Amino acid sequence: LPSRGTIAVVADHDGAIFAMVRTRDGDPPERKPALNTFL
């Protein structure tokens, strides 16, 4: 994907779905999770 990077959507051995990504320009900076954000 031109803006996001390379991505694939997969399911594990038991069917749980997730995606894998190699971002185009690098991942977001790693920060301590703020309130009301993903933990």
Full PDB file with SEQRES, HELIX, SHEET, SSBOND, CRYST1, ORIGX, SCALE, CONECT and MASTER records, all heavy atoms in Angstrom:
SEQRES   1 A   39  LEU PRO SER ARG GLY THR ILE ALA VAL VAL ALA ASP HIS          
SEQRES   2 A   39  ASP GLY ALA ILE PHE ALA MET VAL ARG THR ARG ASP GLY          
SEQRES   3 A   39  ASP PRO PRO GLU ARG LYS PRO ALA LEU ASN THR PHE LEU          
SHEET    1 AA1 2 GLY A   5  ALA A  11  0                                        
SHEET    2 AA1 2 ILE A  17  THR A  23 -1                                        
CRYST1    1.000    1.000    1.000  90.00  90.00  90.00 P 1           1          
ORIGX1      1.000000  0.000000  0.000000        0.00000                         
ORIGX2      0.000000  1.000000  0.000000        0.00000                         
ORIGX3      0.000000  0.000000  1.000000        0.00000                         
SCALE1      1.000000  0.000000  0.000000        0.00000                         
SCALE2      0.000000  1.000000  0.000000        0.00000                         
SCALE3      0.000000  0.000000  1.000000        0.00000                         
ATOM      1  N   LEU A   1       0.861  -1.172   0.000  1.00  0.00           N  
ATOM      2  CA  LEU A   1       0.000   0.000   0.000  1.00  0.00           C  
ATOM      3  C   LEU A   1       0.903   1.230   0.000  1.00  0.00           C  
ATOM      4  O   LEU A   1       1.753   1.373   0.882  1.00  0.00           O  
ATOM      5  CB  LEU A   1      -0.908   0.009   1.226  1.00  0.00           C  
ATOM      6  CG  LEU A   1      -1.814  -1.222   1.384  1.00  0.00           C  
ATOM      7  CD1 LEU A   1      -2.636  -1.121   2.656  1.00  0.00           C  
ATOM      8  CD2 LEU A   1      -2.723  -1.381   0.177  1.00  0.00           C  
ATOM      9  N   PRO A   2       0.770   2.120  -0.978  1.00  0.00           N  
ATOM     10  CA  PRO A   2       1.748   3.198  -1.165  1.00  0.00           C  
ATOM     11  C   PRO A   2       2.015   4.035   0.071  1.00  0.00           C  
ATOM     12  O   PRO A   2       3.155   4.418   0.326  1.00  0.00           O  
ATOM     13  CB  PRO A   2       1.111   4.046  -2.281  1.00  0.00           C  
ATOM     14  CG  PRO A   2       0.257   3.088  -3.043  1.00  0.00           C  
ATOM     15  CD  PRO A   2      -0.277   2.129  -2.018  1.00  0.00           C  
ATOM     16  N   SER A   3       0.988   4.345   0.847  1.00  0.00           N  
ATOM     17  CA  SER A   3       1.166   5.239   1.993  1.00  0.00           C  
ATOM     18  C   SER A   3       1.479   4.495   3.284  1.00  0.00           C  
ATOM     19  O   SER A   3       2.238   4.993   4.119  1.00  0.00           O  
ATOM     20  CB  SER A   3      -0.089   6.097   2.192  1.00  0.00           C  
ATOM     21  OG  SER A   3      -0.347   6.882   1.047  1.00  0.00           O  
ATOM     22  N   ARG A   4       0.908   3.325   3.472  1.00  0.00           N  
ATOM     23  CA  ARG A   4       1.058   2.622   4.753  1.00  0.00           C  
ATOM     24  C   ARG A   4       2.272   1.707   4.773  1.00  0.00           C  
ATOM     25  O   ARG A   4       2.958   1.607   5.785  1.00  0.00           O  
ATOM     26  CB  ARG A   4      -0.204   1.831   5.076  1.00  0.00           C  
ATOM     27  CG  ARG A   4      -0.139   1.091   6.410  1.00  0.00           C  
ATOM     28  CD  ARG A   4      -1.506   0.750   6.966  1.00  0.00           C  
ATOM     29  NE  ARG A   4      -2.266   1.950   7.286  1.00  0.00           N  
ATOM     30  CZ  ARG A   4      -3.449   1.939   7.904  1.00  0.00           C  
ATOM     31  NH1 ARG A   4      -4.008   0.785   8.248  1.00  0.00           N  
ATOM     32  NH2 ARG A   4      -4.090   3.065   8.171  1.00  0.00           N  
ATOM     33  N   GLY A   5       2.522   0.984   3.714  1.00  0.00           N  
ATOM     34  CA  GLY A   5       3.599   0.006   3.687  1.00  0.00           C  
ATOM     35  C   GLY A   5       3.089  -1.328   3.196  1.00  0.00           C  
ATOM     36  O   GLY A   5       2.094  -1.396   2.472  1.00  0.00           O  
ATOM     37  N   THR A   6       3.754  -2.400   3.575  1.00  0.00           N  
ATOM     38  CA  THR A   6       3.357  -3.753   3.167  1.00  0.00           C  
ATOM     39  C   THR A   6       2.561  -4.403   4.286  1.00  0.00           C  
ATOM     40  O   THR A   6       2.969  -4.373   5.453  1.00  0.00           O  
ATOM     41  CB  THR A   6       4.586  -4.602   2.841  1.00  0.00           C  
ATOM     42  OG1 THR A   6       5.369  -3.934   1.853  1.00  0.00           O  
ATOM     43  CG2 THR A   6       4.178  -5.967   2.309  1.00  0.00           C  
ATOM     44  N   ILE A   7       1.444  -5.006   3.936  1.00  0.00           N  
ATOM     45  CA  ILE A   7       0.547  -5.566   4.944  1.00  0.00           C  
ATOM     46  C   ILE A   7      -0.013  -6.899   4.454  1.00  0.00           C  
ATOM     47  O   ILE A   7      -0.180  -7.128   3.252  1.00  0.00           O  
ATOM     48  CB  ILE A   7      -0.594  -4.576   5.260  1.00  0.00           C  
ATOM     49  CG1 ILE A   7      -1.439  -5.060   6.450  1.00  0.00           C  
ATOM     50  CG2 ILE A   7      -1.457  -4.318   4.045  1.00  0.00           C  
ATOM     51  CD1 ILE A   7      -2.381  -4.000   6.994  1.00  0.00           C  
ATOM     52  N   ALA A   8      -0.267  -7.784   5.389  1.00  0.00           N  
ATOM     53  CA  ALA A   8      -0.957  -9.048   5.109  1.00  0.00           C  
ATOM     54  C   ALA A   8      -1.940  -9.305   6.235  1.00  0.00           C  
ATOM     55  O   ALA A   8      -1.695  -8.920   7.388  1.00  0.00           O  
ATOM     56  CB  ALA A   8       0.039 -10.205   4.993  1.00  0.00           C  
ATOM     57  N   VAL A   9      -3.045  -9.930   5.918  1.00  0.00           N  
ATOM     58  CA  VAL A   9      -4.035 -10.328   6.923  1.00  0.00           C  
ATOM     59  C   VAL A   9      -4.033 -11.845   6.993  1.00  0.00           C  
ATOM     60  O   VAL A   9      -4.119 -12.527   5.965  1.00  0.00           O  
ATOM     61  CB  VAL A   9      -5.436  -9.802   6.576  1.00  0.00           C  
ATOM     62  CG1 VAL A   9      -6.445 -10.230   7.635  1.00  0.00           C  
ATOM     63  CG2 VAL A   9      -5.412  -8.274   6.453  1.00  0.00           C  
ATOM     64  N   VAL A  10      -3.923 -12.377   8.208  1.00  0.00           N  
ATOM     65  CA  VAL A  10      -3.787 -13.816   8.388  1.00  0.00           C  
ATOM     66  C   VAL A  10      -4.684 -14.295   9.533  1.00  0.00           C  
ATOM     67  O   VAL A  10      -5.234 -13.492  10.287  1.00  0.00           O  
ATOM     68  CB  VAL A  10      -2.318 -14.201   8.688  1.00  0.00           C  
ATOM     69  CG1 VAL A  10      -1.406 -13.768   7.551  1.00  0.00           C  
ATOM     70  CG2 VAL A  10      -1.851 -13.590  10.008  1.00  0.00           C  
ATOM     71  N   ALA A  11      -4.797 -15.592   9.648  1.00  0.00           N  
ATOM     72  CA  ALA A  11      -5.453 -16.218  10.797  1.00  0.00           C  
ATOM     73  C   ALA A  11      -4.478 -17.223  11.392  1.00  0.00           C  
ATOM     74  O   ALA A  11      -3.737 -17.886  10.658  1.00  0.00           O  
ATOM     75  CB  ALA A  11      -6.743 -16.918  10.377  1.00  0.00           C  
ATOM     76  N   ASP A  12      -4.469 -17.312  12.707  1.00  0.00           N  
ATOM     77  CA  ASP A  12      -3.557 -18.265  13.332  1.00  0.00           C  
ATOM     78  C   ASP A  12      -4.073 -19.689  13.164  1.00  0.00           C  
ATOM     79  O   ASP A  12      -5.080 -19.934  12.479  1.00  0.00           O  
ATOM     80  CB  ASP A  12      -3.273 -17.893  14.791  1.00  0.00           C  
ATOM     81  CG  ASP A  12      -4.474 -18.057  15.722  1.00  0.00           C  
ATOM     82  OD1 ASP A  12      -5.448 -18.736  15.339  1.00  0.00           O  
ATOM     83  OD2 ASP A  12      -4.428 -17.501  16.833  1.00  0.00           O  
ATOM     84  N   HIS A  13      -3.402 -20.646  13.762  1.00  0.00           N  
ATOM     85  CA  HIS A  13      -3.738 -22.069  13.604  1.00  0.00           C  
ATOM     86  C   HIS A  13      -5.158 -22.381  14.050  1.00  0.00           C  
ATOM     87  O   HIS A  13      -5.737 -23.396  13.659  1.00  0.00           O  
ATOM     88  CB  HIS A  13      -2.764 -22.898  14.437  1.00  0.00           C  
ATOM     89  CG  HIS A  13      -2.941 -22.673  15.908  1.00  0.00           C  
ATOM     90  ND1 HIS A  13      -2.660 -21.461  16.499  1.00  0.00           N  
ATOM     91  CD2 HIS A  13      -3.404 -23.490  16.886  1.00  0.00           C  
ATOM     92  CE1 HIS A  13      -2.937 -21.550  17.796  1.00  0.00           C  
ATOM     93  NE2 HIS A  13      -3.383 -22.754  18.054  1.00  0.00           N  
ATOM     94  N   ASP A  14      -5.750 -21.498  14.876  1.00  0.00           N  
ATOM     95  CA  ASP A  14      -7.068 -21.743  15.448  1.00  0.00           C  
ATOM     96  C   ASP A  14      -8.123 -20.786  14.908  1.00  0.00           C  
ATOM     97  O   ASP A  14      -9.257 -20.804  15.355  1.00  0.00           O  
ATOM     98  CB  ASP A  14      -6.978 -21.611  16.967  1.00  0.00           C  
ATOM     99  CG  ASP A  14      -7.789 -22.660  17.693  1.00  0.00           C  
ATOM    100  OD1 ASP A  14      -8.303 -23.580  17.027  1.00  0.00           O  
ATOM    101  OD2 ASP A  14      -7.918 -22.556  18.925  1.00  0.00           O  
ATOM    102  N   GLY A  15      -7.730 -19.900  13.971  1.00  0.00           N  
ATOM    103  CA  GLY A  15      -8.700 -19.028  13.316  1.00  0.00           C  
ATOM    104  C   GLY A  15      -8.743 -17.594  13.783  1.00  0.00           C  
ATOM    105  O   GLY A  15      -9.515 -16.805  13.227  1.00  0.00           O  
ATOM    106  N   ALA A  16      -7.946 -17.211  14.787  1.00  0.00           N  
ATOM    107  CA  ALA A  16      -7.952 -15.828  15.246  1.00  0.00           C  
ATOM    108  C   ALA A  16      -7.271 -14.929  14.210  1.00  0.00           C  
ATOM    109  O   ALA A  16      -6.161 -15.216  13.767  1.00  0.00           O  
ATOM    110  CB  ALA A  16      -7.240 -15.708  16.595  1.00  0.00           C  
ATOM    111  N   ILE A  17      -7.931 -13.832  13.835  1.00  0.00           N  
ATOM    112  CA  ILE A  17      -7.484 -12.973  12.746  1.00  0.00           C  
ATOM    113  C   ILE A  17      -6.634 -11.827  13.272  1.00  0.00           C  
ATOM    114  O   ILE A  17      -6.943 -11.213  14.294  1.00  0.00           O  
ATOM    115  CB  ILE A  17      -8.700 -12.427  11.976  1.00  0.00           C  
ATOM    116  CG1 ILE A  17      -9.435 -13.563  11.266  1.00  0.00           C  
ATOM    117  CG2 ILE A  17      -8.287 -11.359  10.966  1.00  0.00           C  
ATOM    118  CD1 ILE A  17     -10.736 -13.140  10.628  1.00  0.00           C  
ATOM    119  N   PHE A  18      -5.550 -11.533  12.558  1.00  0.00           N  
ATOM    120  CA  PHE A  18      -4.739 -10.358  12.843  1.00  0.00           C  
ATOM    121  C   PHE A  18      -4.017  -9.957  11.566  1.00  0.00           C  
ATOM    122  O   PHE A  18      -4.024 -10.685  10.578  1.00  0.00           O  
ATOM    123  CB  PHE A  18      -3.743 -10.612  13.990  1.00  0.00           C  
ATOM    124  CG  PHE A  18      -2.712 -11.683  13.713  1.00  0.00           C  
ATOM    125  CD1 PHE A  18      -1.423 -11.358  13.327  1.00  0.00           C  
ATOM    126  CD2 PHE A  18      -3.032 -13.032  13.855  1.00  0.00           C  
ATOM    127  CE1 PHE A  18      -0.462 -12.335  13.086  1.00  0.00           C  
ATOM    128  CE2 PHE A  18      -2.099 -14.017  13.612  1.00  0.00           C  
ATOM    129  CZ  PHE A  18      -0.798 -13.676  13.229  1.00  0.00           C  
ATOM    130  N   ALA A  19      -3.407  -8.780  11.586  1.00  0.00           N  
ATOM    131  CA  ALA A  19      -2.645  -8.298  10.434  1.00  0.00           C  
ATOM    132  C   ALA A  19      -1.174  -8.190  10.797  1.00  0.00           C  
ATOM    133  O   ALA A  19      -0.817  -8.102  11.981  1.00  0.00           O  
ATOM    134  CB  ALA A  19      -3.179  -6.941   9.969  1.00  0.00           C  
ATOM    135  N   MET A  20      -0.329  -8.190   9.794  1.00  0.00           N  
ATOM    136  CA  MET A  20       1.109  -7.973   9.956  1.00  0.00           C  
ATOM    137  C   MET A  20       1.516  -6.860   9.006  1.00  0.00           C  
ATOM    138  O   MET A  20       1.056  -6.818   7.865  1.00  0.00           O  
ATOM    139  CB  MET A  20       1.892  -9.256   9.655  1.00  0.00           C  
ATOM    140  CG  MET A  20       1.477 -10.429  10.527  1.00  0.00           C  
ATOM    141  SD  MET A  20       2.425 -11.936  10.204  1.00  0.00           S  
ATOM    142  CE  MET A  20       1.952 -12.280   8.512  1.00  0.00           C  
ATOM    143  N   VAL A  21       2.364  -5.952   9.481  1.00  0.00           N  
ATOM    144  CA  VAL A  21       2.698  -4.787   8.676  1.00  0.00           C  
ATOM    145  C   VAL A  21       4.183  -4.450   8.786  1.00  0.00           C  
ATOM    146  O   VAL A  21       4.783  -4.597   9.854  1.00  0.00           O  
ATOM    147  CB  VAL A  21       1.847  -3.564   9.100  1.00  0.00           C  
ATOM    148  CG1 VAL A  21       2.107  -3.166  10.541  1.00  0.00           C  
ATOM    149  CG2 VAL A  21       2.076  -2.368   8.170  1.00  0.00           C  
ATOM    150  N   ARG A  22       4.756  -4.047   7.671  1.00  0.00           N  
ATOM    151  CA  ARG A  22       6.061  -3.381   7.654  1.00  0.00           C  
ATOM    152  C   ARG A  22       5.783  -1.978   7.151  1.00  0.00           C  
ATOM    153  O   ARG A  22       5.499  -1.775   5.962  1.00  0.00           O  
ATOM    154  CB  ARG A  22       7.064  -4.092   6.751  1.00  0.00           C  
ATOM    155  CG  ARG A  22       8.425  -3.362   6.669  1.00  0.00           C  
ATOM    156  CD  ARG A  22       9.429  -4.094   5.804  1.00  0.00           C  
ATOM    157  NE  ARG A  22      10.611  -3.276   5.539  1.00  0.00           N  
ATOM    158  CZ  ARG A  22      11.669  -3.188   6.340  1.00  0.00           C  
ATOM    159  NH1 ARG A  22      11.684  -3.878   7.472  1.00  0.00           N  
ATOM    160  NH2 ARG A  22      12.693  -2.414   6.028  1.00  0.00           N  
ATOM    161  N   THR A  23       5.810  -1.022   8.059  1.00  0.00           N  
ATOM    162  CA  THR A  23       5.451   0.346   7.711  1.00  0.00           C  
ATOM    163  C   THR A  23       6.447   0.935   6.718  1.00  0.00           C  
ATOM    164  O   THR A  23       7.624   0.568   6.714  1.00  0.00           O  
ATOM    165  CB  THR A  23       5.393   1.217   8.972  1.00  0.00           C  
ATOM    166  OG1 THR A  23       6.600   1.040   9.713  1.00  0.00           O  
ATOM    167  CG2 THR A  23       4.214   0.839   9.836  1.00  0.00           C  
ATOM    168  N   ARG A  24       5.978   1.857   5.912  1.00  0.00           N  
ATOM    169  CA  ARG A  24       6.808   2.424   4.855  1.00  0.00           C  
ATOM    170  C   ARG A  24       7.999   3.199   5.422  1.00  0.00           C  
ATOM    171  O   ARG A  24       9.133   3.047   4.964  1.00  0.00           O  
ATOM    172  CB  ARG A  24       5.962   3.345   3.973  1.00  0.00           C  
ATOM    173  CG  ARG A  24       6.679   3.804   2.706  1.00  0.00           C  
ATOM    174  CD  ARG A  24       5.902   4.886   1.995  1.00  0.00           C  
ATOM    175  NE  ARG A  24       5.853   6.122   2.802  1.00  0.00           N  
ATOM    176  CZ  ARG A  24       5.269   7.246   2.403  1.00  0.00           C  
ATOM    177  NH1 ARG A  24       4.663   7.290   1.234  1.00  0.00           N  
ATOM    178  NH2 ARG A  24       5.277   8.317   3.170  1.00  0.00           N  
ATOM    179  N   ASP A  25       7.741   4.041   6.419  1.00  0.00           N  
ATOM    180  CA  ASP A  25       8.784   4.937   6.922  1.00  0.00           C  
ATOM    181  C   ASP A  25       9.195   4.653   8.368  1.00  0.00           C  
ATOM    182  O   ASP A  25       9.969   5.419   8.950  1.00  0.00           O  
ATOM    183  CB  ASP A  25       8.313   6.393   6.826  1.00  0.00           C  
ATOM    184  CG  ASP A  25       8.036   6.805   5.387  1.00  0.00           C  
ATOM    185  OD1 ASP A  25       8.854   6.453   4.506  1.00  0.00           O  
ATOM    186  OD2 ASP A  25       7.006   7.459   5.149  1.00  0.00           O  
ATOM    187  N   GLY A  26       8.693   3.590   8.957  1.00  0.00           N  
ATOM    188  CA  GLY A  26       9.013   3.274  10.343  1.00  0.00           C  
ATOM    189  C   GLY A  26       7.780   3.297  11.218  1.00  0.00           C  
ATOM    190  O   GLY A  26       6.745   3.890  10.870  1.00  0.00           O  
ATOM    191  N   ASP A  27       7.872   2.646  12.362  1.00  0.00           N  
ATOM    192  CA  ASP A  27       6.739   2.526  13.279  1.00  0.00           C  
ATOM    193  C   ASP A  27       6.560   3.795  14.110  1.00  0.00           C  
ATOM    194  O   ASP A  27       7.488   4.615  14.221  1.00  0.00           O  
ATOM    195  CB  ASP A  27       6.955   1.331  14.214  1.00  0.00           C  
ATOM    196  CG  ASP A  27       6.933   0.014  13.459  1.00  0.00           C  
ATOM    197  OD1 ASP A  27       6.377  -0.026  12.348  1.00  0.00           O  
ATOM    198  OD2 ASP A  27       7.473  -0.980  13.990  1.00  0.00           O  
ATOM    199  N   PRO A  28       5.383   3.944  14.724  1.00  0.00           N  
ATOM    200  CA  PRO A  28       5.176   5.100  15.612  1.00  0.00           C  
ATOM    201  C   PRO A  28       6.150   5.045  16.788  1.00  0.00           C  
ATOM    202  O   PRO A  28       6.565   3.971  17.217  1.00  0.00           O  
ATOM    203  CB  PRO A  28       3.732   4.918  16.100  1.00  0.00           C  
ATOM    204  CG  PRO A  28       3.098   3.982  15.126  1.00  0.00           C  
ATOM    205  CD  PRO A  28       4.189   3.091  14.630  1.00  0.00           C  
ATOM    206  N   PRO A  29       6.522   6.213  17.325  1.00  0.00           N  
ATOM    207  CA  PRO A  29       7.367   6.212  18.528  1.00  0.00           C  
ATOM    208  C   PRO A  29       6.680   5.447  19.654  1.00  0.00           C  
ATOM    209  O   PRO A  29       5.456   5.471  19.774  1.00  0.00           O  
ATOM    210  CB  PRO A  29       7.492   7.708  18.865  1.00  0.00           C  
ATOM    211  CG  PRO A  29       7.167   8.424  17.598  1.00  0.00           C  
ATOM    212  CD  PRO A  29       6.187   7.569  16.867  1.00  0.00           C  
ATOM    213  N   GLU A  30       7.477   4.785  20.467  1.00  0.00           N  
ATOM    214  CA  GLU A  30       6.908   4.004  21.564  1.00  0.00           C  
ATOM    215  C   GLU A  30       6.769   4.889  22.796  1.00  0.00           C  
ATOM    216  O   GLU A  30       7.731   5.491  23.266  1.00  0.00           O  
ATOM    217  CB  GLU A  30       7.792   2.794  21.872  1.00  0.00           C  
ATOM    218  CG  GLU A  30       7.123   1.792  22.773  1.00  0.00           C  
ATOM    219  CD  GLU A  30       7.708   0.400  22.611  1.00  0.00           C  
ATOM    220  OE1 GLU A  30       8.745   0.258  21.930  1.00  0.00           O  
ATOM    221  OE2 GLU A  30       7.116  -0.536  23.165  1.00  0.00           O  
ATOM    222  N   ARG A  31       5.531   4.975  23.291  1.00  0.00           N  
ATOM    223  CA  ARG A  31       5.233   5.803  24.451  1.00  0.00           C  
ATOM    224  C   ARG A  31       4.451   5.004  25.483  1.00  0.00           C  
ATOM    225  O   ARG A  31       3.801   4.009  25.155  1.00  0.00           O  
ATOM    226  CB  ARG A  31       4.411   7.029  24.048  1.00  0.00           C  
ATOM    227  CG  ARG A  31       5.080   7.957  23.040  1.00  0.00           C  
ATOM    228  CD  ARG A  31       4.199   9.172  22.784  1.00  0.00           C  
ATOM    229  NE  ARG A  31       4.829  10.141  21.884  1.00  0.00           N  
ATOM    230  CZ  ARG A  31       4.623  10.188  20.592  1.00  0.00           C  
ATOM    231  NH1 ARG A  31       3.811   9.304  20.012  1.00  0.00           N  
ATOM    232  NH2 ARG A  31       5.215  11.094  19.838  1.00  0.00           N  
ATOM    233  N   LYS A  32       4.477   5.476  26.719  1.00  0.00           N  
ATOM    234  CA  LYS A  32       3.645   4.872  27.757  1.00  0.00           C  
ATOM    235  C   LYS A  32       2.178   5.110  27.391  1.00  0.00           C  
ATOM    236  O   LYS A  32       1.803   6.218  27.011  1.00  0.00           O  
ATOM    237  CB  LYS A  32       3.949   5.500  29.109  1.00  0.00           C  
ATOM    238  CG  LYS A  32       3.175   4.885  30.271  1.00  0.00           C  
ATOM    239  CD  LYS A  32       3.539   5.540  31.587  1.00  0.00           C  
ATOM    240  CE  LYS A  32       4.985   5.261  31.946  1.00  0.00           C  
ATOM    241  NZ  LYS A  32       5.326   5.786  33.299  1.00  0.00           N  
ATOM    242  N   PRO A  33       1.326   4.084  27.479  1.00  0.00           N  
ATOM    243  CA  PRO A  33      -0.080   4.254  27.079  1.00  0.00           C  
ATOM    244  C   PRO A  33      -0.775   5.326  27.908  1.00  0.00           C  
ATOM    245  O   PRO A  33      -0.802   5.257  29.139  1.00  0.00           O  
ATOM    246  CB  PRO A  33      -0.698   2.874  27.334  1.00  0.00           C  
ATOM    247  CG  PRO A  33       0.455   1.927  27.331  1.00  0.00           C  
ATOM    248  CD  PRO A  33       1.613   2.694  27.890  1.00  0.00           C  
ATOM    249  N   ALA A  34      -1.335   6.322  27.235  1.00  0.00           N  
ATOM    250  CA  ALA A  34      -2.083   7.370  27.915  1.00  0.00           C  
ATOM    251  C   ALA A  34      -3.491   6.868  28.230  1.00  0.00           C  
ATOM    252  O   ALA A  34      -3.979   5.897  27.644  1.00  0.00           O  
ATOM    253  CB  ALA A  34      -2.161   8.619  27.031  1.00  0.00           C  
ATOM    254  N   LEU A  35      -4.153   7.534  29.160  1.00  0.00           N  
ATOM    255  CA  LEU A  35      -5.549   7.202  29.445  1.00  0.00           C  
ATOM    256  C   LEU A  35      -6.376   7.334  28.177  1.00  0.00           C  
ATOM    257  O   LEU A  35      -6.167   8.234  27.354  1.00  0.00           O  
ATOM    258  CB  LEU A  35      -6.112   8.123  30.527  1.00  0.00           C  
ATOM    259  CG  LEU A  35      -5.715   7.806  31.972  1.00  0.00           C  
ATOM    260  CD1 LEU A  35      -6.174   8.932  32.894  1.00  0.00           C  
ATOM    261  CD2 LEU A  35      -6.306   6.480  32.416  1.00  0.00           C  
ATOM    262  N   ASN A  36      -7.307   6.393  28.008  1.00  0.00           N  
ATOM    263  CA  ASN A  36      -8.244   6.373  26.888  1.00  0.00           C  
ATOM    264  C   ASN A  36      -7.567   6.081  25.551  1.00  0.00           C  
ATOM    265  O   ASN A  36      -8.075   6.447  24.490  1.00  0.00           O  
ATOM    266  CB  ASN A  36      -9.035   7.681  26.814  1.00  0.00           C  
ATOM    267  CG  ASN A  36      -9.886   7.907  28.054  1.00  0.00           C  
ATOM    268  OD1 ASN A  36     -10.443   6.964  28.605  1.00  0.00           O  
ATOM    269  ND2 ASN A  36      -9.965   9.141  28.504  1.00  0.00           N  
ATOM    270  N   THR A  37      -6.398   5.415  25.608  1.00  0.00           N  
ATOM    271  CA  THR A  37      -5.747   4.911  24.401  1.00  0.00           C  
ATOM    272  C   THR A  37      -5.473   3.424  24.575  1.00  0.00           C  
ATOM    273  O   THR A  37      -5.678   2.856  25.650  1.00  0.00           O  
ATOM    274  CB  THR A  37      -4.439   5.652  24.101  1.00  0.00           C  
ATOM    275  OG1 THR A  37      -3.481   5.367  25.129  1.00  0.00           O  
ATOM    276  CG2 THR A  37      -4.661   7.151  24.019  1.00  0.00           C  
ATOM    277  N   PHE A  38      -4.979   2.788  23.521  1.00  0.00           N  
ATOM    278  CA  PHE A  38      -4.750   1.351  23.561  1.00  0.00           C  
ATOM    279  C   PHE A  38      -3.641   1.008  24.551  1.00  0.00           C  
ATOM    280  O   PHE A  38      -2.555   1.597  24.538  1.00  0.00           O  
ATOM    281  CB  PHE A  38      -4.407   0.818  22.171  1.00  0.00           C  
ATOM    282  CG  PHE A  38      -5.595   0.810  21.251  1.00  0.00           C  
ATOM    283  CD1 PHE A  38      -5.809   1.846  20.352  1.00  0.00           C  
ATOM    284  CD2 PHE A  38      -6.513  -0.235  21.299  1.00  0.00           C  
ATOM    285  CE1 PHE A  38      -6.917   1.847  19.523  1.00  0.00           C  
ATOM    286  CE2 PHE A  38      -7.626  -0.242  20.466  1.00  0.00           C  
ATOM    287  CZ  PHE A  38      -7.824   0.805  19.572  1.00  0.00           C  
ATOM    288  N   LEU A  39      -3.944   0.038  25.388  1.00  0.00           N  
ATOM    289  CA  LEU A  39      -3.044  -0.372  26.468  1.00  0.00           C  
ATOM    290  C   LEU A  39      -2.393  -1.715  26.197  1.00  0.00           C  
ATOM    291  O   LEU A  39      -1.191  -1.900  26.421  1.00  0.00           O  
ATOM    292  CB  LEU A  39      -3.841  -0.448  27.781  1.00  0.00           C  
ATOM    293  CG  LEU A  39      -3.167  -1.128  28.969  1.00  0.00           C  
ATOM    294  CD1 LEU A  39      -2.032  -0.272  29.496  1.00  0.00           C  
ATOM    295  CD2 LEU A  39      -4.187  -1.408  30.076  1.00  0.00           C  
TER     296      LEU A  39                                                      
MASTER        0    0    0    0    2    0    0    6  295    1    0    3          
END                                                                             
